N, C-alpha and C. Protein backbone atom coordinates (compact mmCIF):
# COMPACT_ATOMS: atom_id res chain seq x y z
N UNK A 1 -22.96 -7.44 3.04
CA UNK A 1 -22.60 -6.65 4.03
C UNK A 1 -21.08 -6.65 4.63
N UNK A 2 -20.29 -5.72 4.47
CA UNK A 2 -19.17 -6.10 5.10
C UNK A 2 -19.11 -5.81 6.54
N UNK A 3 -18.52 -6.74 7.41
CA UNK A 3 -18.72 -6.58 9.00
C UNK A 3 -17.47 -5.35 9.56
N UNK A 4 -18.10 -4.42 10.47
CA UNK A 4 -16.99 -3.39 10.96
C UNK A 4 -15.95 -4.25 11.90
N UNK A 5 -14.72 -4.15 11.68
CA UNK A 5 -13.72 -4.79 12.55
C UNK A 5 -13.48 -3.84 13.55
N UNK A 6 -13.28 -4.40 14.70
CA UNK A 6 -12.30 -3.50 15.90
C UNK A 6 -11.15 -3.31 15.63
N UNK A 7 -11.00 -2.48 15.91
CA UNK A 7 -8.84 -1.80 15.76
C UNK A 7 -8.53 -2.86 16.84
N UNK A 8 -6.98 -2.92 16.45
CA UNK A 8 -6.66 -4.27 17.21
C UNK A 8 -5.68 -2.91 18.16
N UNK A 9 -6.18 -3.38 19.80
CA UNK A 9 -5.45 -2.20 20.78
C UNK A 9 -3.85 -2.60 20.21
N UNK A 10 -3.24 -1.12 21.19
CA UNK A 10 -1.86 -0.95 20.78
C UNK A 10 -1.48 -1.56 22.52
N UNK A 11 -0.22 -2.22 22.24
CA UNK A 11 0.07 -2.83 23.12
C UNK A 11 1.38 -2.83 23.71
N UNK A 12 1.93 -2.19 25.07
CA UNK A 12 2.75 -1.93 25.28
C UNK A 12 4.13 -3.06 25.20
N UNK A 13 4.03 -4.05 25.61
CA UNK A 13 5.04 -5.54 25.12
C UNK A 13 4.43 -6.07 24.50
N UNK A 14 4.96 -7.53 24.04
CA UNK A 14 4.88 -8.70 23.75
C UNK A 14 3.98 -9.32 24.73
N UNK A 15 4.41 -9.42 26.22
CA UNK A 15 3.75 -10.03 27.35
C UNK A 15 2.20 -9.58 27.14
N UNK A 16 2.04 -8.24 27.30
CA UNK A 16 0.74 -7.68 26.63
C UNK A 16 -0.02 -8.25 26.08
N UNK A 17 0.27 -8.42 25.01
CA UNK A 17 0.10 -8.49 23.67
C UNK A 17 -0.80 -9.81 23.77
N UNK A 18 0.61 -10.73 24.33
CA UNK A 18 -0.13 -12.57 24.39
C UNK A 18 -1.15 -12.44 25.17
N UNK A 19 -1.11 -12.33 26.02
CA UNK A 19 -1.99 -11.83 27.30
C UNK A 19 -3.62 -11.78 26.71
N UNK A 20 -3.10 -10.69 25.94
CA UNK A 20 -4.76 -10.46 24.78
C UNK A 20 -5.52 -11.12 24.33
N UNK A 21 -4.51 -11.66 23.43
CA UNK A 21 -4.90 -12.66 22.58
C UNK A 21 -4.68 -14.06 23.08
N UNK A 22 -4.31 -14.26 24.03
CA UNK A 22 -4.82 -15.63 24.75
C UNK A 22 -6.09 -15.98 25.57
N UNK A 23 -6.88 -14.24 25.49
CA UNK A 23 -8.23 -14.29 26.45
C UNK A 23 -9.26 -13.88 25.53
N UNK A 24 -8.85 -13.32 24.22
CA UNK A 24 -9.93 -12.97 23.33
C UNK A 24 -10.46 -13.26 21.89
N UNK A 25 -10.92 -13.54 21.46
CA UNK A 25 -11.63 -14.31 20.14
C UNK A 25 -10.67 -13.54 18.93
N UNK A 26 -10.02 -13.68 18.09
CA UNK A 26 -9.43 -12.66 16.82
C UNK A 26 -10.48 -12.22 15.94
N UNK A 27 -11.51 -12.72 15.99
CA UNK A 27 -12.74 -12.77 15.12
C UNK A 27 -13.26 -11.17 14.78
N UNK A 28 -13.24 -10.68 15.72
CA UNK A 28 -13.87 -9.41 15.65
C UNK A 28 -13.06 -8.22 15.24
N UNK A 29 -11.86 -9.04 15.49
CA UNK A 29 -10.27 -7.83 14.97
C UNK A 29 -9.67 -7.83 13.64
N UNK A 30 -10.09 -9.35 13.07
CA UNK A 30 -9.23 -9.56 11.72
C UNK A 30 -9.50 -10.65 10.62
N UNK A 31 -10.24 -9.75 9.50
CA UNK A 31 -10.95 -10.44 8.44
C UNK A 31 -10.10 -12.02 8.04
N UNK A 32 -10.34 -12.95 8.67
CA UNK A 32 -9.47 -13.96 8.31
C UNK A 32 -10.06 -14.99 6.67
N UNK A 33 -10.90 -14.12 5.58
CA UNK A 33 -11.22 -14.45 4.65
C UNK A 33 -9.75 -14.09 3.84
N UNK A 34 -9.45 -12.92 4.03
CA UNK A 34 -8.26 -12.29 3.42
C UNK A 34 -7.21 -12.65 3.70
N UNK A 35 -6.87 -13.44 4.22
CA UNK A 35 -5.34 -14.33 5.22
C UNK A 35 -4.79 -14.66 3.91
N UNK A 36 -3.57 -14.57 3.96
CA UNK A 36 -2.63 -15.44 3.13
C UNK A 36 -2.13 -16.79 3.31
N UNK A 37 -1.74 -17.23 3.31
CA UNK A 37 -0.17 -18.45 3.64
C UNK A 37 0.95 -17.65 3.57
N UNK A 38 2.04 -17.63 4.38
CA UNK A 38 3.30 -17.07 4.15
C UNK A 38 4.01 -18.25 4.79
N UNK A 39 5.29 -18.07 4.41
CA UNK A 39 6.30 -18.80 4.95
C UNK A 39 7.57 -18.16 5.42
N UNK A 40 8.21 -18.73 6.47
CA UNK A 40 9.56 -18.29 6.83
C UNK A 40 11.09 -19.04 7.16
N UNK A 41 11.08 -19.48 5.72
CA UNK A 41 12.33 -20.08 5.19
C UNK A 41 13.39 -20.40 6.60
N UNK A 42 13.76 -18.46 6.82
CA UNK A 42 14.85 -18.97 7.86
C UNK A 42 14.52 -18.72 9.38
N UNK A 43 13.07 -18.73 9.75
CA UNK A 43 12.87 -18.55 10.96
C UNK A 43 13.37 -19.55 11.63
N UNK A 44 14.21 -19.78 13.10
CA UNK A 44 14.38 -21.10 13.66
C UNK A 44 13.69 -20.89 15.08
N UNK A 45 13.16 -21.64 15.45
CA UNK A 45 13.00 -21.51 16.96
C UNK A 45 13.57 -21.13 17.74
N UNK A 46 13.00 -20.26 19.09
CA UNK A 46 14.17 -20.23 20.16
C UNK A 46 14.26 -21.11 20.99
N UNK A 47 15.42 -21.19 21.89
CA UNK A 47 15.91 -22.41 22.54
C UNK A 47 16.54 -21.37 23.68
N UNK A 48 16.47 -22.32 24.34
CA UNK A 48 17.00 -21.90 26.06
C UNK A 48 18.52 -22.94 26.36
N UNK A 49 19.22 -22.78 26.73
CA UNK A 49 20.20 -23.53 27.43
C UNK A 49 19.92 -24.09 28.83
N UNK A 50 20.02 -25.25 28.90
CA UNK A 50 19.66 -26.18 30.38
C UNK A 50 20.85 -26.88 30.74
N UNK A 51 20.55 -27.00 32.00
CA UNK A 51 21.87 -27.69 32.62
C UNK A 51 21.07 -28.97 33.18
N UNK A 52 21.58 -30.05 32.56
CA UNK A 52 21.28 -32.13 32.93
C UNK A 52 22.28 -32.50 33.35
N UNK A 53 22.25 -32.78 34.83
CA UNK A 53 23.22 -33.76 35.33
C UNK A 53 22.73 -34.95 34.69
N UNK A 54 23.61 -35.84 34.05
CA UNK A 54 23.74 -37.48 34.05
C UNK A 54 24.34 -37.98 34.36
N UNK A 55 24.17 -39.63 34.64
CA UNK A 55 25.52 -40.13 35.23
C UNK A 55 26.32 -40.49 33.78
N UNK A 56 27.63 -40.97 34.24
CA UNK A 56 29.09 -40.50 33.26
C UNK A 56 28.20 -41.62 32.14
N UNK A 57 28.48 -42.96 32.91
CA UNK A 57 28.28 -43.74 31.79
C UNK A 57 26.81 -43.94 31.18
N UNK A 58 25.50 -43.10 31.26
CA UNK A 58 24.48 -43.20 30.56
C UNK A 58 25.02 -41.68 29.44
N UNK A 59 26.02 -41.01 29.77
CA UNK A 59 26.46 -39.74 28.66
C UNK A 59 27.05 -40.46 27.57
N UNK A 60 27.98 -41.24 28.04
CA UNK A 60 29.18 -41.72 27.27
C UNK A 60 28.20 -42.93 26.35
N UNK A 61 27.15 -43.33 26.75
CA UNK A 61 25.99 -44.56 26.08
C UNK A 61 25.54 -43.12 24.91
N UNK A 62 24.89 -42.26 25.16
CA UNK A 62 24.69 -41.54 24.20
C UNK A 62 25.75 -40.69 23.42
N UNK A 63 26.59 -40.61 23.55
CA UNK A 63 27.56 -40.34 22.77
C UNK A 63 28.16 -41.27 21.68
N UNK A 64 27.92 -42.26 22.34
CA UNK A 64 28.40 -43.80 21.24
C UNK A 64 27.41 -43.74 20.26
N UNK A 65 26.15 -43.57 20.87
CA UNK A 65 24.59 -43.46 20.12
C UNK A 65 24.63 -42.77 18.95
N UNK A 66 25.14 -41.33 19.14
CA UNK A 66 25.61 -39.89 18.37
C UNK A 66 26.17 -40.36 17.42
N UNK A 67 27.64 -40.81 17.52
CA UNK A 67 28.57 -41.17 16.85
C UNK A 67 28.13 -41.99 15.50
N UNK A 68 27.36 -43.00 16.23
CA UNK A 68 27.02 -43.81 15.06
C UNK A 68 26.00 -43.84 13.99
N UNK A 69 25.24 -42.34 14.65
CA UNK A 69 24.39 -41.90 13.45
C UNK A 69 25.11 -40.68 12.51
N UNK A 70 26.34 -40.34 13.38
CA UNK A 70 27.07 -38.88 12.92
C UNK A 70 26.38 -37.71 12.86
N UNK A 71 25.64 -37.38 14.01
CA UNK A 71 25.03 -36.32 14.77
C UNK A 71 25.82 -35.99 16.36
N UNK A 72 26.09 -34.70 16.41
CA UNK A 72 26.00 -34.29 17.88
C UNK A 72 25.08 -34.94 19.30
N UNK A 73 25.63 -35.37 19.75
CA UNK A 73 25.23 -35.93 21.09
C UNK A 73 23.96 -34.94 21.46
N UNK A 74 24.43 -33.89 21.92
CA UNK A 74 23.36 -32.90 22.09
C UNK A 74 21.96 -32.93 21.17
N UNK A 75 22.57 -32.66 19.59
CA UNK A 75 21.07 -32.55 18.57
C UNK A 75 20.52 -34.49 18.73
N UNK A 76 21.25 -35.63 18.90
CA UNK A 76 20.93 -36.57 19.04
C UNK A 76 19.45 -36.62 20.84
N UNK A 77 19.85 -36.32 21.52
CA UNK A 77 19.15 -36.06 22.92
C UNK A 77 18.11 -34.89 22.38
N UNK A 78 18.19 -34.14 21.80
CA UNK A 78 16.72 -33.10 20.96
C UNK A 78 15.76 -33.89 20.60
N UNK A 79 16.56 -34.97 19.44
CA UNK A 79 15.62 -35.47 18.47
C UNK A 79 15.10 -36.67 19.55
N UNK A 80 15.49 -37.42 20.05
CA UNK A 80 14.60 -38.05 21.30
C UNK A 80 13.64 -37.59 22.35
N UNK A 81 13.79 -36.22 22.72
CA UNK A 81 13.25 -35.84 23.75
C UNK A 81 11.75 -35.76 22.68
N UNK A 82 12.05 -34.95 21.75
CA UNK A 82 11.00 -34.30 21.09
C UNK A 82 10.06 -35.77 20.42
N UNK A 83 10.56 -37.09 20.32
CA UNK A 83 9.88 -38.16 19.56
C UNK A 83 9.22 -38.35 20.70
N UNK A 84 9.45 -38.36 22.17
CA UNK A 84 9.09 -38.83 23.11
C UNK A 84 7.47 -38.12 24.11
N UNK A 85 7.99 -36.49 23.58
CA UNK A 85 6.94 -35.56 23.95
C UNK A 85 5.78 -35.76 22.91
N UNK A 86 6.47 -35.51 21.65
CA UNK A 86 5.50 -35.98 20.69
C UNK A 86 4.55 -36.38 20.43
């Protein structure tokens, strides 16, 4: 017997939808047995610019390390932060 699904509510904006899915189980709304894997090869994570004050000597050391690895120093900082947090 096929389970009747609840209709997904209409949302006014993304924040409202996010709040709904954070507090509700999706099982009554979505038949996950019919789900298919998808790929988004061109999707890039959203980013936010920040301002970070560093001692000049530390920034110079980071730039030297980045130059040795042939990567931009901002990218190297992101890599290091990601490794430390993850």
